[in-house]
């Protein structure tokens, strides 16, 4: 297990930053990009190093097809000299609301790619997202990018390739999925195949900002009695949205998919889905969010100007997405977000059986200090294999101890 942890840390050091420049350049050239920028894919979220205006200071921005407008963290916006006009309170994922402001004429630089927004929102993004993301959050690059360009996302090489929609024509063998746009956000025909063999049609929002495979809204859950159809669930916090903390009952189902332009589907089998609880997703204009854990299994070309999204198989098929196997929900704290506190311990889980409690701080895994890890790497370890044993070093107040967890897979 120590070798596995060491490999994970090496992966963090290598891939927690951008791909090597020669790999990035080769991938951009191979795609024939007009412009391109790199991203980090970490804990089912796409992060882009972005500068605001003429400032040399970079910030981490989330790349998100599920947000209608570019956004800045309110404190980051203030430091950049913007004076936001109050736009009231907005809801979103989560049961509450967040204060929103607006600013005009925002120039962003995603690596060296210039993005101009006539308007952008200001939001408390750092307060909402940092502790559950393990990164300080400067803003969100959203729907306007996808309206102005064909956006080709290469998850294998961590490259976003931009092309001019006026001249773009796709000629490859990828599967084309027709989309309709609602406020610039892409909706497609999807399907959910239940363990009993029934297949339900659904409207899915293709949402890079959703940190899962499929997250299902409560009106659709209630209509189809999914809490009965998917009874073997584990309820956990996932992260946060504009409405605050988000919670889902996670379960495994037979298949999730989106329909291509013919009668076939693009999907994954034996998939994890999240059923909204506590009012996390209340939408009636979509039935579910098809998230980054699904989309990252393909090279995805968002050609929204032509109302299509193209799914190209990766060279190597990824294994089915897994859910946490420890029973822990961990958040990051401290100035560098590298202290890991336990926020939740699920009943009858590996962690609860080992005696770990809410408020404990994880300080090592298999004798490797967590100060050398990122939150995303820690979470990968906590879902690394059914029956695996992890020695979790933790601190409780002034006392330190070690607990052995036997990981349990969500069936």
Protein backbone atom coordinates (compact mmCIF):
# COMPACT_ATOMS: atom_id res chain seq x y z
CA UNK A 1 0.00 0.00 0.00
CA UNK A 2 2.90 2.37 0.69
CA UNK A 3 3.96 1.99 -2.93
CA UNK A 4 0.44 2.88 -4.03
CA UNK A 5 0.47 6.00 -1.87
CA UNK A 6 3.88 7.01 -3.17
CA UNK A 7 2.58 6.61 -6.71
CA UNK A 8 -0.42 8.76 -5.85
CA UNK A 9 1.82 11.51 -4.53
CA UNK A 10 4.01 11.34 -7.64
CA UNK A 11 0.81 11.62 -9.71
CA UNK A 12 -0.16 14.71 -7.73
CA UNK A 13 3.24 16.29 -8.32
CA UNK A 14 3.16 15.49 -12.01
CA UNK A 15 -0.48 16.05 -12.87
CA UNK A 16 -1.65 18.41 -10.12
CA UNK A 17 0.01 21.01 -12.37
CA UNK A 18 -0.31 21.38 -16.10
CA UNK A 19 0.93 18.80 -18.58
CA UNK A 20 4.52 19.22 -19.76
CA UNK A 21 4.85 22.08 -22.30
CA UNK A 22 5.90 19.75 -25.11
CA UNK A 23 2.86 17.51 -24.52
CA UNK A 24 0.56 20.54 -24.40
CA UNK A 25 2.07 21.98 -27.61
CA UNK A 26 1.87 18.65 -29.44
CA UNK A 27 -1.76 18.09 -28.42
CA UNK A 28 -2.71 21.62 -29.49
CA UNK A 29 -0.99 21.24 -32.86
CA UNK A 30 -2.55 17.83 -33.47
CA UNK A 31 -6.03 19.29 -32.92
CA UNK A 32 -5.42 22.26 -35.26
CA UNK A 33 -6.45 24.73 -32.56
CA UNK A 34 -6.93 28.41 -33.24
CA UNK A 35 -6.11 28.97 -29.57
CA UNK A 36 -5.64 26.64 -26.61
CA UNK A 37 -5.10 26.58 -22.89
CA UNK A 38 -4.22 23.95 -20.31
CA UNK A 39 -6.31 22.72 -17.41
CA UNK A 40 -5.92 20.58 -14.32
CA UNK A 41 -8.49 17.82 -13.80
CA UNK A 42 -8.72 17.19 -10.10
CA UNK A 43 -11.46 15.60 -8.00
CA UNK A 44 -13.93 15.71 -10.95
CA UNK A 45 -13.45 19.43 -11.59
CA UNK A 46 -11.62 21.32 -14.36
CA UNK A 47 -9.30 24.09 -13.13
CA UNK A 48 -7.78 26.77 -15.36
CA UNK A 49 -5.02 29.13 -14.25
CA UNK A 50 -6.48 32.54 -15.07
CA UNK A 51 -5.38 36.17 -14.71
CA UNK A 52 -7.73 39.14 -14.41
CA UNK A 53 -7.01 42.22 -16.52
CA UNK A 54 -3.37 43.27 -16.44
CA UNK A 55 -2.68 41.66 -13.06
CA UNK A 56 0.17 39.12 -13.13
CA UNK A 57 -1.41 37.21 -10.22
CA UNK A 58 -2.97 33.91 -11.35
CA UNK A 59 -6.13 32.46 -9.82
CA UNK A 60 -7.78 29.07 -10.18
CA UNK A 61 -10.99 29.33 -12.21
CA UNK A 62 -13.47 26.48 -12.67
CA UNK A 63 -14.42 25.63 -16.27
CA UNK A 64 -18.19 25.15 -16.17
CA UNK A 65 -20.83 24.52 -18.84
CA UNK A 66 -23.55 24.68 -16.19
CA UNK A 67 -23.11 28.38 -15.36
CA UNK A 68 -24.69 31.06 -17.54
CA UNK A 69 -22.17 33.85 -16.83
CA UNK A 70 -18.50 34.22 -16.04
CA UNK A 71 -18.01 34.88 -12.33
CA UNK A 72 -15.38 36.28 -9.99
CA UNK A 73 -14.99 35.57 -6.32
CA UNK A 74 -16.20 38.73 -4.60
CA UNK A 75 -12.97 39.28 -2.67
CA UNK A 76 -10.83 38.64 -5.76
CA UNK A 77 -12.98 41.12 -7.71
CA UNK A 78 -12.55 43.78 -5.02
CA UNK A 79 -8.75 43.32 -4.99
CA UNK A 80 -8.76 43.69 -8.78
CA UNK A 81 -10.45 47.09 -8.41
CA UNK A 82 -14.01 46.18 -9.36
CA UNK A 83 -16.96 47.76 -7.55
CA UNK A 84 -19.86 45.35 -7.82
CA UNK A 85 -23.47 46.43 -8.11
CA UNK A 86 -25.80 44.46 -5.87
CA UNK A 87 -27.88 41.96 -7.86
CA UNK A 88 -29.71 40.43 -4.90
CA UNK A 89 -29.63 36.77 -3.92
CA UNK A 90 -29.59 33.76 -6.22
CA UNK A 91 -30.32 30.11 -5.59
CA UNK A 92 -28.74 27.09 -7.20
CA UNK A 93 -27.56 23.70 -6.04
CA UNK A 94 -28.13 23.57 -2.29
CA UNK A 95 -31.17 24.63 -0.31
CA UNK A 96 -30.29 28.29 0.31
CA UNK A 97 -29.16 31.38 -1.61
CA UNK A 98 -26.00 33.45 -2.08
CA UNK A 99 -25.49 37.18 -2.50
CA UNK A 100 -24.64 38.14 -6.09
CA UNK A 101 -23.13 41.28 -7.59
CA UNK A 102 -22.40 42.37 -11.15
CA UNK A 103 -19.37 44.06 -12.69
CA UNK A 104 -18.75 45.37 -16.21
CA UNK A 105 -15.98 44.84 -18.76
CA UNK A 106 -13.96 41.98 -17.33
CA UNK A 107 -10.89 40.80 -19.24
CA UNK A 108 -9.68 37.31 -18.37
CA UNK A 109 -6.57 35.48 -19.56
CA UNK A 110 -6.83 31.69 -19.48
CA UNK A 111 -3.11 31.02 -19.80
CA UNK A 112 -2.50 33.25 -22.85
CA UNK A 113 -6.04 33.12 -24.27
CA UNK A 114 -7.91 36.40 -23.85
CA UNK A 115 -11.57 36.23 -22.83
CA UNK A 116 -13.66 39.40 -22.61
CA UNK A 117 -16.98 39.63 -20.79
CA UNK A 118 -19.15 42.72 -20.99
CA UNK A 119 -20.68 41.62 -17.69
CA UNK A 120 -19.71 39.12 -14.99
CA UNK A 121 -21.10 38.11 -11.63
CA UNK A 122 -19.39 38.35 -8.27
CA UNK A 123 -20.08 35.53 -5.81
CA UNK A 124 -18.64 34.21 -2.52
CA UNK A 125 -16.92 31.40 -4.42
CA UNK A 126 -14.00 31.00 -2.03
CA UNK A 127 -16.32 30.63 0.95
CA UNK A 128 -18.58 28.22 -0.93
CA UNK A 129 -16.07 25.98 -2.68
CA UNK A 130 -12.51 26.16 -1.33
CA UNK A 131 -12.77 23.80 1.63
CA UNK A 132 -14.48 21.05 -0.37
CA UNK A 133 -12.30 21.59 -3.48
CA UNK A 134 -8.88 21.89 -1.89
CA UNK A 135 -8.06 24.94 -4.03
CA UNK A 136 -8.54 28.66 -3.58
CA UNK A 137 -11.23 29.71 -6.06
CA UNK A 138 -10.86 32.90 -8.09
CA UNK A 139 -13.77 32.53 -10.48
CA UNK A 140 -15.70 30.56 -13.08
CA UNK A 141 -15.28 30.46 -16.87
CA UNK A 142 -18.77 29.75 -18.09
CA UNK A 143 -21.26 29.68 -20.97
CA UNK A 144 -19.99 32.72 -22.92
CA UNK A 145 -16.81 30.81 -23.83
CA UNK A 146 -18.90 27.97 -25.26
CA UNK A 147 -21.20 30.35 -27.15
CA UNK A 148 -18.29 32.04 -28.92
CA UNK A 149 -16.12 29.02 -29.76
CA UNK A 150 -16.13 25.34 -30.55
CA UNK A 151 -14.53 24.03 -27.35
CA UNK A 152 -12.67 20.72 -27.70
CA UNK A 153 -11.73 19.26 -24.28
CA UNK A 154 -8.95 16.67 -24.36
CA UNK A 155 -9.01 15.01 -20.92
CA UNK A 156 -6.03 12.79 -21.72
CA UNK A 157 -3.64 15.68 -22.41
CA UNK A 158 -5.35 18.34 -20.26
CA UNK A 159 -5.82 20.70 -23.20
CA UNK A 160 -8.78 22.89 -24.19
CA UNK A 161 -8.73 23.67 -27.92
CA UNK A 162 -10.75 26.60 -29.29
CA UNK A 163 -11.93 26.88 -32.90
CA UNK A 164 -13.92 29.34 -34.98
CA UNK A 165 -17.54 28.10 -35.33
CA UNK A 166 -17.90 29.75 -38.74
CA UNK A 167 -15.38 27.39 -40.34
CA UNK A 168 -15.65 24.34 -38.08
CA UNK A 169 -16.99 21.07 -39.48
CA UNK A 170 -16.51 17.81 -37.59
CA UNK A 171 -15.48 14.87 -39.83
CA UNK A 172 -14.37 12.26 -37.30
CA UNK A 173 -16.04 9.11 -36.01
CA UNK A 174 -17.23 10.50 -32.67
CA UNK A 175 -20.86 10.26 -31.62
CA UNK A 176 -22.87 13.45 -32.20
CA UNK A 177 -25.41 14.38 -29.54
CA UNK A 178 -27.97 17.06 -30.38
CA UNK A 179 -28.47 19.71 -27.71
CA UNK A 180 -30.89 22.55 -27.12
CA UNK A 181 -29.76 25.67 -25.29
CA UNK A 182 -31.44 27.22 -22.28
CA UNK A 183 -29.77 30.52 -21.37
CA UNK A 184 -26.71 29.19 -23.18
CA UNK A 185 -26.64 25.92 -21.23
CA UNK A 186 -26.70 22.59 -23.16
CA UNK A 187 -29.60 20.17 -22.61
CA UNK A 188 -29.68 16.71 -24.21
CA UNK A 189 -31.86 13.60 -24.23
CA UNK A 190 -30.60 11.19 -21.65
CA UNK A 191 -31.62 7.87 -20.16
CA UNK A 192 -31.34 6.10 -16.83
CA UNK A 193 -31.51 2.30 -16.79
CA UNK A 194 -32.51 1.00 -13.37
CA UNK A 195 -31.34 -2.25 -11.76
CA UNK A 196 -34.76 -3.82 -12.52
CA UNK A 197 -34.21 -3.21 -16.26
CA UNK A 198 -36.56 -0.24 -16.71
CA UNK A 199 -35.17 2.66 -18.76
CA UNK A 200 -36.36 6.19 -18.02
CA UNK A 201 -35.97 9.06 -20.47
CA UNK A 202 -34.72 12.28 -18.96
CA UNK A 203 -33.55 15.79 -19.86
CA UNK A 204 -29.91 16.12 -18.82
CA UNK A 205 -27.84 19.27 -18.50
CA UNK A 206 -24.28 18.62 -19.69
CA UNK A 207 -22.56 20.20 -16.72
CA UNK A 208 -18.78 20.23 -16.37
CA UNK A 209 -19.25 21.88 -12.99
CA UNK A 210 -21.09 18.88 -11.50
CA UNK A 211 -18.64 16.66 -9.58
CA UNK A 212 -20.22 13.30 -10.35
CA UNK A 213 -21.51 11.12 -13.16
CA UNK A 214 -25.25 11.90 -12.83
CA UNK A 215 -26.99 14.01 -10.17
CA UNK A 216 -30.79 13.72 -10.24
CA UNK A 217 -33.24 16.47 -9.26
CA UNK A 218 -35.95 15.82 -6.69
CA UNK A 219 -39.03 16.36 -8.93
CA UNK A 220 -37.79 13.58 -11.24
CA UNK A 221 -36.91 11.38 -8.25
CA UNK A 222 -40.40 11.76 -6.81
CA UNK A 223 -42.17 11.27 -10.13
CA UNK A 224 -40.45 7.94 -10.77
CA UNK A 225 -40.13 6.81 -7.12
CA UNK A 226 -36.37 6.43 -7.49
CA UNK A 227 -35.78 6.20 -3.75
CA UNK A 228 -37.67 2.89 -3.92
CA UNK A 229 -36.09 1.77 -7.20
CA UNK A 230 -32.57 2.55 -5.88
CA UNK A 231 -32.78 1.65 -2.19
CA UNK A 232 -29.11 0.76 -1.59
CA UNK A 233 -27.84 4.30 -1.10
CA UNK A 234 -25.19 6.09 0.91
CA UNK A 235 -26.05 9.68 1.83
CA UNK A 236 -23.14 12.09 1.74
CA UNK A 237 -22.23 15.68 1.19
CA UNK A 238 -20.65 16.27 -2.24
CA UNK A 239 -19.59 19.91 -2.19
CA UNK A 240 -21.49 23.18 -2.47
CA UNK A 241 -23.47 25.32 -4.90
CA UNK A 242 -24.96 28.80 -4.78
CA UNK A 243 -27.44 27.44 -2.26
CA UNK A 244 -24.75 26.17 0.11
CA UNK A 245 -23.77 22.56 0.95
CA UNK A 246 -25.05 19.84 -1.39
CA UNK A 247 -26.12 16.35 -0.32
CA UNK A 248 -27.03 13.27 -2.32
CA UNK A 249 -28.01 9.67 -1.75
CA UNK A 250 -25.52 7.80 -3.94
CA UNK A 251 -26.44 4.48 -5.53
CA UNK A 252 -25.29 2.22 -8.34
CA UNK A 253 -27.50 1.72 -11.38
CA UNK A 254 -27.32 -0.34 -14.56
CA UNK A 255 -26.54 2.41 -17.10
CA UNK A 256 -26.64 6.14 -17.76
CA UNK A 257 -26.47 7.53 -21.27
CA UNK A 258 -27.16 10.36 -23.68
CA UNK A 259 -28.77 9.80 -27.10
CA UNK A 260 -26.79 10.48 -30.26
CA UNK A 261 -28.27 11.83 -33.48
CA UNK A 262 -29.48 8.33 -34.40
CA UNK A 263 -31.04 5.66 -32.22
CA UNK A 264 -27.88 4.77 -30.28
CA UNK A 265 -26.63 6.09 -26.97
CA UNK A 266 -23.32 7.15 -25.49
CA UNK A 267 -23.09 5.87 -21.96
CA UNK A 268 -21.43 3.98 -19.15
CA UNK A 269 -22.58 0.82 -17.41
CA UNK A 270 -22.75 0.01 -13.69
CA UNK A 271 -22.63 3.72 -12.93
CA UNK A 272 -22.87 5.77 -9.74
CA UNK A 273 -25.76 8.25 -9.55
CA UNK A 274 -26.66 10.78 -6.88
CA UNK A 275 -30.26 11.36 -5.79
CA UNK A 276 -30.74 14.86 -4.43
CA UNK A 277 -31.70 15.12 -0.75
CA UNK A 278 -32.52 18.06 1.53
CA UNK A 279 -33.56 20.25 -1.41
CA UNK A 280 -30.14 20.20 -3.09
CA UNK A 281 -31.52 20.02 -6.67
CA UNK A 282 -35.07 21.27 -7.11
CA UNK A 283 -35.06 22.03 -10.83
CA UNK A 284 -37.97 21.33 -13.15
CA UNK A 285 -36.28 22.58 -16.36
CA UNK A 286 -33.81 19.69 -16.30
CA UNK A 287 -34.11 16.25 -14.72
CA UNK A 288 -30.44 15.63 -13.95
CA UNK A 289 -26.92 17.00 -14.26
CA UNK A 290 -24.61 14.88 -16.40
CA UNK A 291 -21.34 15.72 -14.71
CA UNK A 292 -17.60 15.72 -15.16
CA UNK A 293 -17.15 12.11 -13.99
CA UNK A 294 -19.19 11.07 -17.05
CA UNK A 295 -17.84 13.62 -19.53
CA UNK A 296 -14.19 12.97 -18.65
CA UNK A 297 -14.49 9.43 -20.02
CA UNK A 298 -14.44 10.91 -23.52
CA UNK A 299 -12.80 13.64 -25.51
CA UNK A 300 -15.76 16.03 -25.58
CA UNK A 301 -16.27 18.68 -28.27
CA UNK A 302 -18.81 21.32 -27.25
CA UNK A 303 -20.01 22.72 -30.59
CA UNK A 304 -22.86 24.72 -29.11
CA UNK A 305 -23.04 27.22 -32.00
CA UNK A 306 -24.20 24.22 -34.11
CA UNK A 307 -26.22 22.77 -31.21
CA UNK A 308 -24.25 19.57 -30.88
CA UNK A 309 -21.79 17.93 -28.52
CA UNK A 310 -19.46 15.27 -29.92
CA UNK A 311 -18.21 12.36 -27.80
CA UNK A 312 -14.95 10.78 -28.98
CA UNK A 313 -13.77 7.61 -27.16
CA UNK A 314 -10.52 7.92 -25.25
CA UNK A 315 -7.61 5.76 -26.35
CA UNK A 316 -7.84 3.84 -23.10
CA UNK A 317 -11.25 3.11 -21.58
CA UNK A 318 -11.49 4.20 -17.96
CA UNK A 319 -12.83 1.94 -15.25
CA UNK A 320 -16.28 2.68 -13.87
CA UNK A 321 -16.38 5.63 -11.49
CA UNK A 322 -16.29 4.71 -7.84
CA UNK A 323 -17.80 6.33 -4.78
CA UNK A 324 -15.99 6.90 -1.50
CA UNK A 325 -15.34 3.55 0.23
CA UNK A 326 -14.29 4.87 3.64
CA UNK A 327 -17.46 6.49 4.98
CA UNK A 328 -15.69 9.84 5.40
CA UNK A 329 -16.38 13.28 4.02
CA UNK A 330 -13.19 15.31 4.36
CA UNK A 331 -12.68 19.03 3.85
CA UNK A 332 -9.50 21.07 3.54
CA UNK A 333 -8.57 23.93 5.84
CA UNK A 334 -5.59 26.16 6.63
CA UNK A 335 -3.94 28.85 4.55
CA UNK A 336 -2.64 26.30 2.05
CA UNK A 337 -5.75 24.05 2.29
CA UNK A 338 -3.59 21.08 3.27
CA UNK A 339 -5.01 20.28 6.69
CA UNK A 340 -7.74 17.66 6.29
CA UNK A 341 -10.61 17.63 8.77
CA UNK A 342 -13.35 15.01 8.95
CA UNK A 343 -16.73 16.66 8.45
CA UNK A 344 -18.95 13.56 8.33
CA UNK A 345 -18.69 9.88 9.24
CA UNK A 346 -21.40 7.69 7.72
CA UNK A 347 -23.10 5.22 10.05
CA UNK A 348 -21.96 1.61 9.74
CA UNK A 349 -19.09 2.55 7.41
CA UNK A 350 -15.45 1.46 7.45
CA UNK A 351 -14.52 4.70 9.25
CA UNK A 352 -17.23 4.44 11.90
CA UNK A 353 -16.23 0.82 12.62
CA UNK A 354 -12.62 1.97 13.04
CA UNK A 355 -13.64 4.59 15.62
CA UNK A 356 -12.91 7.72 13.58
CA UNK A 357 -15.04 10.73 14.56
CA UNK A 358 -16.20 14.06 13.16
CA UNK A 359 -13.57 16.70 13.91
CA UNK A 360 -10.58 14.37 13.72
CA UNK A 361 -7.73 15.58 11.52
CA UNK A 362 -6.14 13.10 9.09
CA UNK A 363 -2.35 13.52 9.29
CA UNK A 364 -1.08 10.45 7.43
CA UNK A 365 -2.13 7.52 5.25
CA UNK A 366 0.03 4.41 5.43
CA UNK A 367 2.77 6.45 7.15
CA UNK A 368 2.86 9.09 4.40
CA UNK A 369 2.13 12.58 5.73
CA UNK A 370 -0.99 14.15 4.23
CA UNK A 371 0.85 17.50 4.14
CA UNK A 372 2.39 16.17 0.90
CA UNK A 373 -1.04 15.46 -0.61
CA UNK A 374 -3.84 17.40 -2.20
CA UNK A 375 -7.47 16.91 -1.15
CA UNK A 376 -8.26 15.24 -4.48
CA UNK A 377 -5.45 12.70 -4.01
CA UNK A 378 -6.63 11.91 -0.51
CA UNK A 379 -10.15 11.29 -1.81
CA UNK A 380 -8.79 9.00 -4.53
CA UNK A 381 -7.10 6.91 -1.85
CA UNK A 382 -10.36 6.65 0.09
CA UNK A 383 -12.04 4.98 -2.91
CA UNK A 384 -9.04 3.01 -4.16
CA UNK A 385 -10.36 -0.55 -3.88
CA UNK A 386 -12.89 -2.76 -2.16
CA UNK A 387 -11.33 -4.61 0.75
CA UNK A 388 -8.11 -2.59 0.77
CA UNK A 389 -6.71 -1.69 4.17
CA UNK A 390 -5.54 1.85 4.86
CA UNK A 391 -3.78 2.92 8.03
CA UNK A 392 -5.19 6.37 8.81
CA UNK A 393 -3.11 8.47 11.17
CA UNK A 394 -5.30 11.07 12.85
CA UNK A 395 -5.19 13.71 15.54
CA UNK A 396 -7.99 14.24 18.04
CA UNK A 397 -7.28 17.29 20.12
CA UNK A 398 -3.79 16.78 21.54
CA UNK A 399 -3.89 13.00 21.09
CA UNK A 400 -2.69 11.10 18.02
CA UNK A 401 -3.68 7.60 16.94
CA UNK A 402 -3.85 5.25 13.95
CA UNK A 403 -6.96 3.44 12.70
CA UNK A 404 -7.07 0.70 10.07
CA UNK A 405 -9.89 1.06 7.54
CA UNK A 406 -11.11 -1.83 5.39
CA UNK A 407 -12.63 -0.07 2.38
CA UNK A 408 -16.16 -1.07 1.35
CA UNK A 409 -17.41 -0.60 -2.22
CA UNK A 410 -20.86 0.82 -2.92
CA UNK A 411 -22.72 -2.05 -4.61
